[in-house]
Amino acid sequence: VVILCGGSANDLPWQTPMMAKHFCVIDSFDTHAKIPE
């Protein structure tokens, strides 16, 4: 499992989908309004 520890503003929106191509992933994305996206 990869635990992604970047920021929600600029890191996780692209890092989590990218890492999910190869690994099981988990993040703490916290921009509430953009969670569905």
All heavy atoms as atom14 arrays in JSON, in Angstrom:
{
  "sequence": "VVILCGGSANDLPWQTPMMAKHFCVIDSFDTHAKIPE",
  "atom14_mask": [
    [1, 1, 1, 1, 1, 1, 1, 0, 0, 0, 0, 0, 0, 0],
    [1, 1, 1, 1, 1, 1, 1, 0, 0, 0, 0, 0, 0, 0],
    [1, 1, 1, 1, 1, 1, 1, 1, 0, 0, 0, 0, 0, 0],
    [1, 1, 1, 1, 1, 1, 1, 1, 0, 0, 0, 0, 0, 0],
    [1, 1, 1, 1, 1, 1, 0, 0, 0, 0, 0, 0, 0, 0],
    [1, 1, 1, 1, 0, 0, 0, 0, 0, 0, 0, 0, 0, 0],
    [1, 1, 1, 1, 0, 0, 0, 0, 0, 0, 0, 0, 0, 0],
    [1, 1, 1, 1, 1, 1, 0, 0, 0, 0, 0, 0, 0, 0],
    [1, 1, 1, 1, 1, 0, 0, 0, 0, 0, 0, 0, 0, 0],
    [1, 1, 1, 1, 1, 1, 1, 1, 0, 0, 0, 0, 0, 0],
    [1, 1, 1, 1, 1, 1, 1, 1, 0, 0, 0, 0, 0, 0],
    [1, 1, 1, 1, 1, 1, 1, 1, 0, 0, 0, 0, 0, 0],
    [1, 1, 1, 1, 1, 1, 1, 0, 0, 0, 0, 0, 0, 0],
    [1, 1, 1, 1, 1, 1, 1, 1, 1, 1, 1, 1, 1, 1],
    [1, 1, 1, 1, 1, 1, 1, 1, 1, 0, 0, 0, 0, 0],
    [1, 1, 1, 1, 1, 1, 1, 0, 0, 0, 0, 0, 0, 0],
    [1, 1, 1, 1, 1, 1, 1, 0, 0, 0, 0, 0, 0, 0],
    [1, 1, 1, 1, 1, 1, 1, 1, 0, 0, 0, 0, 0, 0],
    [1, 1, 1, 1, 1, 1, 1, 1, 0, 0, 0, 0, 0, 0],
    [1, 1, 1, 1, 1, 0, 0, 0, 0, 0, 0, 0, 0, 0],
    [1, 1, 1, 1, 1, 1, 1, 1, 1, 0, 0, 0, 0, 0],
    [1, 1, 1, 1, 1, 1, 1, 1, 1, 1, 0, 0, 0, 0],
    [1, 1, 1, 1, 1, 1, 1, 1, 1, 1, 1, 0, 0, 0],
    [1, 1, 1, 1, 1, 1, 0, 0, 0, 0, 0, 0, 0, 0],
    [1, 1, 1, 1, 1, 1, 1, 0, 0, 0, 0, 0, 0, 0],
    [1, 1, 1, 1, 1, 1, 1, 1, 0, 0, 0, 0, 0, 0],
    [1, 1, 1, 1, 1, 1, 1, 1, 0, 0, 0, 0, 0, 0],
    [1, 1, 1, 1, 1, 1, 0, 0, 0, 0, 0, 0, 0, 0],
    [1, 1, 1, 1, 1, 1, 1, 1, 1, 1, 1, 0, 0, 0],
    [1, 1, 1, 1, 1, 1, 1, 1, 0, 0, 0, 0, 0, 0],
    [1, 1, 1, 1, 1, 1, 1, 0, 0, 0, 0, 0, 0, 0],
    [1, 1, 1, 1, 1, 1, 1, 1, 1, 1, 0, 0, 0, 0],
    [1, 1, 1, 1, 1, 0, 0, 0, 0, 0, 0, 0, 0, 0],
    [1, 1, 1, 1, 1, 1, 1, 1, 1, 0, 0, 0, 0, 0],
    [1, 1, 1, 1, 1, 1, 1, 1, 0, 0, 0, 0, 0, 0],
    [1, 1, 1, 1, 1, 1, 1, 0, 0, 0, 0, 0, 0, 0],
    [1, 1, 1, 1, 1, 1, 1, 1, 1, 0, 0, 0, 0, 0]
  ],
  "atom14_positions": [
    [[0.85, -1.19, 0.0], [0.0, 0.0, 0.0], [0.89, 1.24, 0.0], [1.86, 1.31, 0.76], [-0.94, 0.05, 1.23], [-1.84, 1.28, 1.19], [-1.78, -1.22, 1.33], [0.0, 0.0, 0.0], [0.0, 0.0, 0.0], [0.0, 0.0, 0.0], [0.0, 0.0, 0.0], [0.0, 0.0, 0.0], [0.0, 0.0, 0.0], [0.0, 0.0, 0.0]],
    [[0.53, 2.21, -0.83], [1.22, 3.5, -0.86], [0.36, 4.52, -0.11], [-0.82, 4.71, -0.44], [1.47, 3.98, -2.3], [2.0, 5.42, -2.3], [2.45, 3.06, -3.01], [0.0, 0.0, 0.0], [0.0, 0.0, 0.0], [0.0, 0.0, 0.0], [0.0, 0.0, 0.0], [0.0, 0.0, 0.0], [0.0, 0.0, 0.0], [0.0, 0.0, 0.0]],
    [[0.94, 5.16, 0.89], [0.26, 6.24, 1.6], [0.8, 7.56, 1.06], [1.98, 7.86, 1.19], [0.48, 6.16, 3.12], [-0.05, 4.83, 3.67], [-0.21, 7.33, 3.82], [0.11, 4.65, 5.17], [0.0, 0.0, 0.0], [0.0, 0.0, 0.0], [0.0, 0.0, 0.0], [0.0, 0.0, 0.0], [0.0, 0.0, 0.0], [0.0, 0.0, 0.0]],
    [[-0.1, 8.34, 0.44], [0.29, 9.6, -0.19], [0.16, 10.73, 0.83], [-0.92, 10.95, 1.39], [-0.58, 9.86, -1.41], [-0.3, 8.88, -2.54], [-1.57, 8.37, -3.17], [0.6, 9.51, -3.58], [0.0, 0.0, 0.0], [0.0, 0.0, 0.0], [0.0, 0.0, 0.0], [0.0, 0.0, 0.0], [0.0, 0.0, 0.0], [0.0, 0.0, 0.0]],
    [[1.25, 11.45, 1.04], [1.31, 12.45, 2.12], [1.53, 13.86, 1.59], [2.06, 14.72, 2.29], [2.4, 12.07, 3.11], [2.12, 10.49, 3.91], [0.0, 0.0, 0.0], [0.0, 0.0, 0.0], [0.0, 0.0, 0.0], [0.0, 0.0, 0.0], [0.0, 0.0, 0.0], [0.0, 0.0, 0.0], [0.0, 0.0, 0.0], [0.0, 0.0, 0.0]],
    [[1.14, 14.11, 0.34], [1.26, 15.44, -0.23], [0.08, 16.32, 0.13], [-0.83, 15.93, 0.87], [0.0, 0.0, 0.0], [0.0, 0.0, 0.0], [0.0, 0.0, 0.0], [0.0, 0.0, 0.0], [0.0, 0.0, 0.0], [0.0, 0.0, 0.0], [0.0, 0.0, 0.0], [0.0, 0.0, 0.0], [0.0, 0.0, 0.0], [0.0, 0.0, 0.0]],
    [[0.07, 17.52, -0.43], [-0.99, 18.48, -0.15], [-2.17, 18.32, -1.08], [-2.04, 17.86, -2.22], [0.0, 0.0, 0.0], [0.0, 0.0, 0.0], [0.0, 0.0, 0.0], [0.0, 0.0, 0.0], [0.0, 0.0, 0.0], [0.0, 0.0, 0.0], [0.0, 0.0, 0.0], [0.0, 0.0, 0.0], [0.0, 0.0, 0.0], [0.0, 0.0, 0.0]],
    [[-3.34, 18.73, -0.59], [-4.56, 18.6, -1.38], [-4.67, 19.63, -2.49], [-5.37, 19.43, -3.48], [-5.79, 18.71, -0.47], [-5.81, 17.67, 0.47], [0.0, 0.0, 0.0], [0.0, 0.0, 0.0], [0.0, 0.0, 0.0], [0.0, 0.0, 0.0], [0.0, 0.0, 0.0], [0.0, 0.0, 0.0], [0.0, 0.0, 0.0], [0.0, 0.0, 0.0]],
    [[-4.0, 20.75, -2.33], [-4.13, 21.83, -3.31], [-3.47, 21.48, -4.64], [-4.06, 21.69, -5.71], [-3.55, 23.13, -2.75], [0.0, 0.0, 0.0], [0.0, 0.0, 0.0], [0.0, 0.0, 0.0], [0.0, 0.0, 0.0], [0.0, 0.0, 0.0], [0.0, 0.0, 0.0], [0.0, 0.0, 0.0], [0.0, 0.0, 0.0], [0.0, 0.0, 0.0]],
    [[-2.25, 20.93, -4.58], [-1.48, 20.74, -5.82], [-0.94, 19.34, -6.03], [-0.53, 19.02, -7.15], [-0.31, 21.73, -5.84], [-0.77, 23.18, -5.87], [-0.88, 23.83, -4.85], [-1.06, 23.69, -7.05], [0.0, 0.0, 0.0], [0.0, 0.0, 0.0], [0.0, 0.0, 0.0], [0.0, 0.0, 0.0], [0.0, 0.0, 0.0], [0.0, 0.0, 0.0]],
    [[-0.89, 18.51, -5.0], [-0.25, 17.19, -5.13], [-1.24, 16.06, -5.37], [-1.17, 15.34, -6.36], [0.58, 16.88, -3.88], [1.71, 17.88, -3.66], [2.26, 18.37, -4.65], [2.01, 18.17, -2.49], [0.0, 0.0, 0.0], [0.0, 0.0, 0.0], [0.0, 0.0, 0.0], [0.0, 0.0, 0.0], [0.0, 0.0, 0.0], [0.0, 0.0, 0.0]],
    [[-2.15, 15.87, -4.43], [-3.0, 14.68, -4.45], [-3.93, 14.59, -5.67], [-4.19, 13.47, -6.14], [-3.81, 14.6, -3.16], [-2.96, 14.47, -1.88], [-3.87, 14.45, -0.65], [-2.06, 13.25, -1.91], [0.0, 0.0, 0.0], [0.0, 0.0, 0.0], [0.0, 0.0, 0.0], [0.0, 0.0, 0.0], [0.0, 0.0, 0.0], [0.0, 0.0, 0.0]],
    [[-4.45, 15.7, -6.21], [-5.33, 15.55, -7.36], [-4.71, 14.81, -8.54], [-5.42, 14.14, -9.3], [-5.66, 17.0, -7.73], [-5.55, 17.74, -6.44], [-4.39, 17.09, -5.74], [0.0, 0.0, 0.0], [0.0, 0.0, 0.0], [0.0, 0.0, 0.0], [0.0, 0.0, 0.0], [0.0, 0.0, 0.0], [0.0, 0.0, 0.0], [0.0, 0.0, 0.0]],
    [[-3.39, 14.89, -8.72], [-2.76, 14.14, -9.81], [-1.97, 12.94, -9.3], [-1.9, 11.91, -9.96], [-1.85, 15.05, -10.64], [-0.65, 15.6, -9.92], [-0.58, 16.76, -9.21], [0.65, 15.01, -9.85], [0.67, 16.94, -8.68], [1.46, 15.88, -9.07], [1.23, 13.85, -10.35], [2.8, 15.62, -8.78], [2.57, 13.59, -10.07], [3.32, 14.47, -9.3]],
    [[-1.41, 13.03, -8.08], [-0.59, 11.93, -7.58], [-1.4, 10.67, -7.3], [-0.98, 9.56, -7.63], [0.14, 12.36, -6.29], [1.38, 13.18, -6.52], [2.13, 13.42, -5.22], [1.63, 13.15, -4.12], [3.33, 13.95, -5.33], [0.0, 0.0, 0.0], [0.0, 0.0, 0.0], [0.0, 0.0, 0.0], [0.0, 0.0, 0.0], [0.0, 0.0, 0.0]],
    [[-2.56, 10.83, -6.66], [-3.32, 9.64, -6.27], [-3.81, 8.85, -7.48], [-3.59, 7.63, -7.54], [-4.49, 10.02, -5.34], [-4.0, 10.83, -4.25], [-5.14, 8.78, -4.75], [0.0, 0.0, 0.0], [0.0, 0.0, 0.0], [0.0, 0.0, 0.0], [0.0, 0.0, 0.0], [0.0, 0.0, 0.0], [0.0, 0.0, 0.0], [0.0, 0.0, 0.0]],
    [[-4.44, 9.48, -8.48], [-4.82, 8.69, -9.67], [-3.61, 8.09, -10.39], [-3.7, 6.96, -10.9], [-5.55, 9.71, -10.56], [-5.95, 10.81, -9.66], [-4.93, 10.87, -8.57], [0.0, 0.0, 0.0], [0.0, 0.0, 0.0], [0.0, 0.0, 0.0], [0.0, 0.0, 0.0], [0.0, 0.0, 0.0], [0.0, 0.0, 0.0], [0.0, 0.0, 0.0]],
    [[-2.49, 8.82, -10.42], [-1.3, 8.3, -11.09], [-0.75, 7.07, -10.37], [-0.47, 6.04, -10.98], [-0.22, 9.37, -11.16], [1.05, 8.93, -11.89], [2.4, 10.13, -11.76], [2.89, 9.93, -10.03], [0.0, 0.0, 0.0], [0.0, 0.0, 0.0], [0.0, 0.0, 0.0], [0.0, 0.0, 0.0], [0.0, 0.0, 0.0], [0.0, 0.0, 0.0]],
    [[-0.64, 7.14, -9.05], [-0.12, 6.02, -8.27], [-1.08, 4.83, -8.3], [-0.65, 3.67, -8.22], [0.13, 6.44, -6.82], [1.31, 7.37, -6.66], [2.86, 6.53, -7.01], [3.98, 7.93, -6.96], [0.0, 0.0, 0.0], [0.0, 0.0, 0.0], [0.0, 0.0, 0.0], [0.0, 0.0, 0.0], [0.0, 0.0, 0.0], [0.0, 0.0, 0.0]],
    [[-2.37, 5.11, -8.43], [-3.37, 4.03, -8.46], [-3.26, 3.18, -9.71], [-3.83, 2.09, -9.77], [-4.78, 4.61, -8.34], [0.0, 0.0, 0.0], [0.0, 0.0, 0.0], [0.0, 0.0, 0.0], [0.0, 0.0, 0.0], [0.0, 0.0, 0.0], [0.0, 0.0, 0.0], [0.0, 0.0, 0.0], [0.0, 0.0, 0.0], [0.0, 0.0, 0.0]],
    [[-2.5, 3.63, -10.7], [-2.26, 2.8, -11.88], [-1.4, 1.58, -11.55], [-1.44, 0.58, -12.25], [-1.56, 3.62, -12.97], [-2.39, 4.74, -13.54], [-1.59, 5.51, -14.59], [-2.4, 6.65, -15.18], [-1.62, 7.42, -16.19], [0.0, 0.0, 0.0], [0.0, 0.0, 0.0], [0.0, 0.0, 0.0], [0.0, 0.0, 0.0], [0.0, 0.0, 0.0]],
    [[-0.64, 1.66, -10.46], [0.34, 0.63, -10.15], [0.2, 0.04, -8.74], [0.7, -1.05, -8.48], [1.75, 1.2, -10.29], [1.99, 1.88, -11.6], [2.19, 1.18, -12.77], [2.05, 3.19, -11.93], [2.38, 2.03, -13.77], [2.29, 3.26, -13.29], [0.0, 0.0, 0.0], [0.0, 0.0, 0.0], [0.0, 0.0, 0.0], [0.0, 0.0, 0.0]],
    [[-0.46, 0.78, -7.81], [-0.48, 0.37, -6.41], [-1.87, 0.57, -5.81], [-2.66, 1.37, -6.29], [0.5, 1.23, -5.6], [1.92, 1.17, -6.04], [2.43, 2.14, -6.9], [2.77, 0.16, -5.61], [3.76, 2.11, -7.31], [4.09, 0.11, -6.01], [4.59, 1.09, -6.87], [0.0, 0.0, 0.0], [0.0, 0.0, 0.0], [0.0, 0.0, 0.0]],
    [[-2.11, -0.13, -4.7], [-3.2, 0.25, -3.81], [-2.76, 1.52, -3.08], [-1.63, 1.6, -2.6], [-3.51, -0.87, -2.82], [-4.23, -2.32, -3.61], [0.0, 0.0, 0.0], [0.0, 0.0, 0.0], [0.0, 0.0, 0.0], [0.0, 0.0, 0.0], [0.0, 0.0, 0.0], [0.0, 0.0, 0.0], [0.0, 0.0, 0.0], [0.0, 0.0, 0.0]],
    [[-3.66, 2.5, -3.0], [-3.28, 3.82, -2.49], [-4.26, 4.3, -1.44], [-5.41, 3.87, -1.38], [-3.2, 4.85, -3.64], [-2.11, 4.49, -4.64], [-4.55, 4.98, -4.35], [0.0, 0.0, 0.0], [0.0, 0.0, 0.0], [0.0, 0.0, 0.0], [0.0, 0.0, 0.0], [0.0, 0.0, 0.0], [0.0, 0.0, 0.0], [0.0, 0.0, 0.0]],
    [[-3.79, 5.25, -0.64], [-4.64, 5.92, 0.33], [-4.14, 7.34, 0.49], [-2.93, 7.58, 0.48], [-4.67, 5.16, 1.68], [-5.59, 5.85, 2.68], [-3.29, 4.98, 2.26], [-5.88, 5.0, 3.91], [0.0, 0.0, 0.0], [0.0, 0.0, 0.0], [0.0, 0.0, 0.0], [0.0, 0.0, 0.0], [0.0, 0.0, 0.0], [0.0, 0.0, 0.0]],
    [[-5.09, 8.3, 0.59], [-4.67, 9.69, 0.79], [-5.58, 10.38, 1.79], [-6.57, 9.81, 2.27], [-4.59, 10.45, -0.54], [-5.96, 10.81, -1.14], [-6.96, 10.84, -0.42], [-6.01, 11.06, -2.37], [0.0, 0.0, 0.0], [0.0, 0.0, 0.0], [0.0, 0.0, 0.0], [0.0, 0.0, 0.0], [0.0, 0.0, 0.0], [0.0, 0.0, 0.0]],
    [[-5.23, 11.64, 2.1], [-6.02, 12.45, 3.04], [-6.53, 13.71, 2.34], [-6.57, 14.78, 2.94], [-5.17, 12.83, 4.26], [-4.0, 13.54, 3.87], [0.0, 0.0, 0.0], [0.0, 0.0, 0.0], [0.0, 0.0, 0.0], [0.0, 0.0, 0.0], [0.0, 0.0, 0.0], [0.0, 0.0, 0.0], [0.0, 0.0, 0.0], [0.0, 0.0, 0.0]],
    [[-6.93, 13.57, 1.09], [-7.44, 14.71, 0.31], [-8.54, 15.41, 1.1], [-9.53, 14.79, 1.48], [-7.97, 14.22, -1.03], [-8.46, 15.31, -1.94], [-7.56, 16.05, -2.69], [-9.81, 15.6, -2.05], [-8.0, 17.06, -3.53], [-10.26, 16.61, -2.88], [-9.35, 17.34, -3.63], [0.0, 0.0, 0.0], [0.0, 0.0, 0.0], [0.0, 0.0, 0.0]],
    [[-8.39, 16.72, 1.34], [-9.32, 17.38, 2.27], [-10.01, 18.61, 1.71], [-10.57, 19.4, 2.47], [-8.6, 17.73, 3.58], [-7.53, 18.81, 3.42], [-7.27, 19.25, 2.27], [-6.95, 19.21, 4.44], [0.0, 0.0, 0.0], [0.0, 0.0, 0.0], [0.0, 0.0, 0.0], [0.0, 0.0, 0.0], [0.0, 0.0, 0.0], [0.0, 0.0, 0.0]],
    [[-10.01, 18.78, 0.39], [-10.79, 19.87, -0.19], [-12.22, 19.36, -0.39], [-12.55, 18.73, -1.39], [-10.19, 20.33, -1.54], [-8.81, 20.63, -1.36], [-10.91, 21.56, -2.05], [0.0, 0.0, 0.0], [0.0, 0.0, 0.0], [0.0, 0.0, 0.0], [0.0, 0.0, 0.0], [0.0, 0.0, 0.0], [0.0, 0.0, 0.0], [0.0, 0.0, 0.0]],
    [[-13.08, 19.62, 0.61], [-14.4, 18.99, 0.66], [-15.19, 19.16, -0.64], [-15.81, 18.21, -1.12], [-15.2, 19.58, 1.84], [-14.67, 19.2, 3.18], [-15.17, 18.16, 3.94], [-13.65, 19.73, 3.92], [-14.5, 18.07, 5.07], [-13.58, 19.02, 5.08], [0.0, 0.0, 0.0], [0.0, 0.0, 0.0], [0.0, 0.0, 0.0], [0.0, 0.0, 0.0]],
    [[-15.17, 20.35, -1.2], [-15.98, 20.62, -2.39], [-15.55, 19.81, -3.6], [-16.34, 19.6, -4.53], [-15.93, 22.11, -2.72], [0.0, 0.0, 0.0], [0.0, 0.0, 0.0], [0.0, 0.0, 0.0], [0.0, 0.0, 0.0], [0.0, 0.0, 0.0], [0.0, 0.0, 0.0], [0.0, 0.0, 0.0], [0.0, 0.0, 0.0], [0.0, 0.0, 0.0]],
    [[-14.3, 19.35, -3.6], [-13.78, 18.64, -4.77], [-13.66, 17.13, -4.55], [-13.1, 16.43, -5.4], [-12.41, 19.23, -5.16], [-12.51, 20.66, -5.64], [-11.16, 21.16, -6.16], [-11.29, 22.57, -6.72], [-10.0, 23.07, -7.26], [0.0, 0.0, 0.0], [0.0, 0.0, 0.0], [0.0, 0.0, 0.0], [0.0, 0.0, 0.0], [0.0, 0.0, 0.0]],
    [[-14.16, 16.62, -3.45], [-14.06, 15.18, -3.18], [-14.77, 14.34, -4.25], [-14.2, 13.34, -4.71], [-14.55, 14.86, -1.75], [-13.51, 15.33, -0.72], [-14.8, 13.35, -1.59], [-13.94, 15.17, 0.72], [0.0, 0.0, 0.0], [0.0, 0.0, 0.0], [0.0, 0.0, 0.0], [0.0, 0.0, 0.0], [0.0, 0.0, 0.0], [0.0, 0.0, 0.0]],
    [[-15.98, 14.69, -4.68], [-16.6, 13.86, -5.73], [-15.75, 13.78, -7.0], [-15.63, 12.71, -7.61], [-17.94, 14.57, -5.98], [-18.25, 15.25, -4.68], [-16.92, 15.71, -4.17], [0.0, 0.0, 0.0], [0.0, 0.0, 0.0], [0.0, 0.0, 0.0], [0.0, 0.0, 0.0], [0.0, 0.0, 0.0], [0.0, 0.0, 0.0], [0.0, 0.0, 0.0]],
    [[-15.16, 14.89, -7.39], [-14.31, 14.93, -8.58], [-13.05, 14.07, -8.37], [-12.64, 13.31, -9.26], [-13.92, 16.38, -8.84], [-12.94, 16.63, -9.95], [-12.54, 18.1, -10.0], [-13.33, 18.97, -9.57], [-11.42, 18.38, -10.47], [0.0, 0.0, 0.0], [0.0, 0.0, 0.0], [0.0, 0.0, 0.0], [0.0, 0.0, 0.0], [0.0, 0.0, 0.0]]
  ]
}
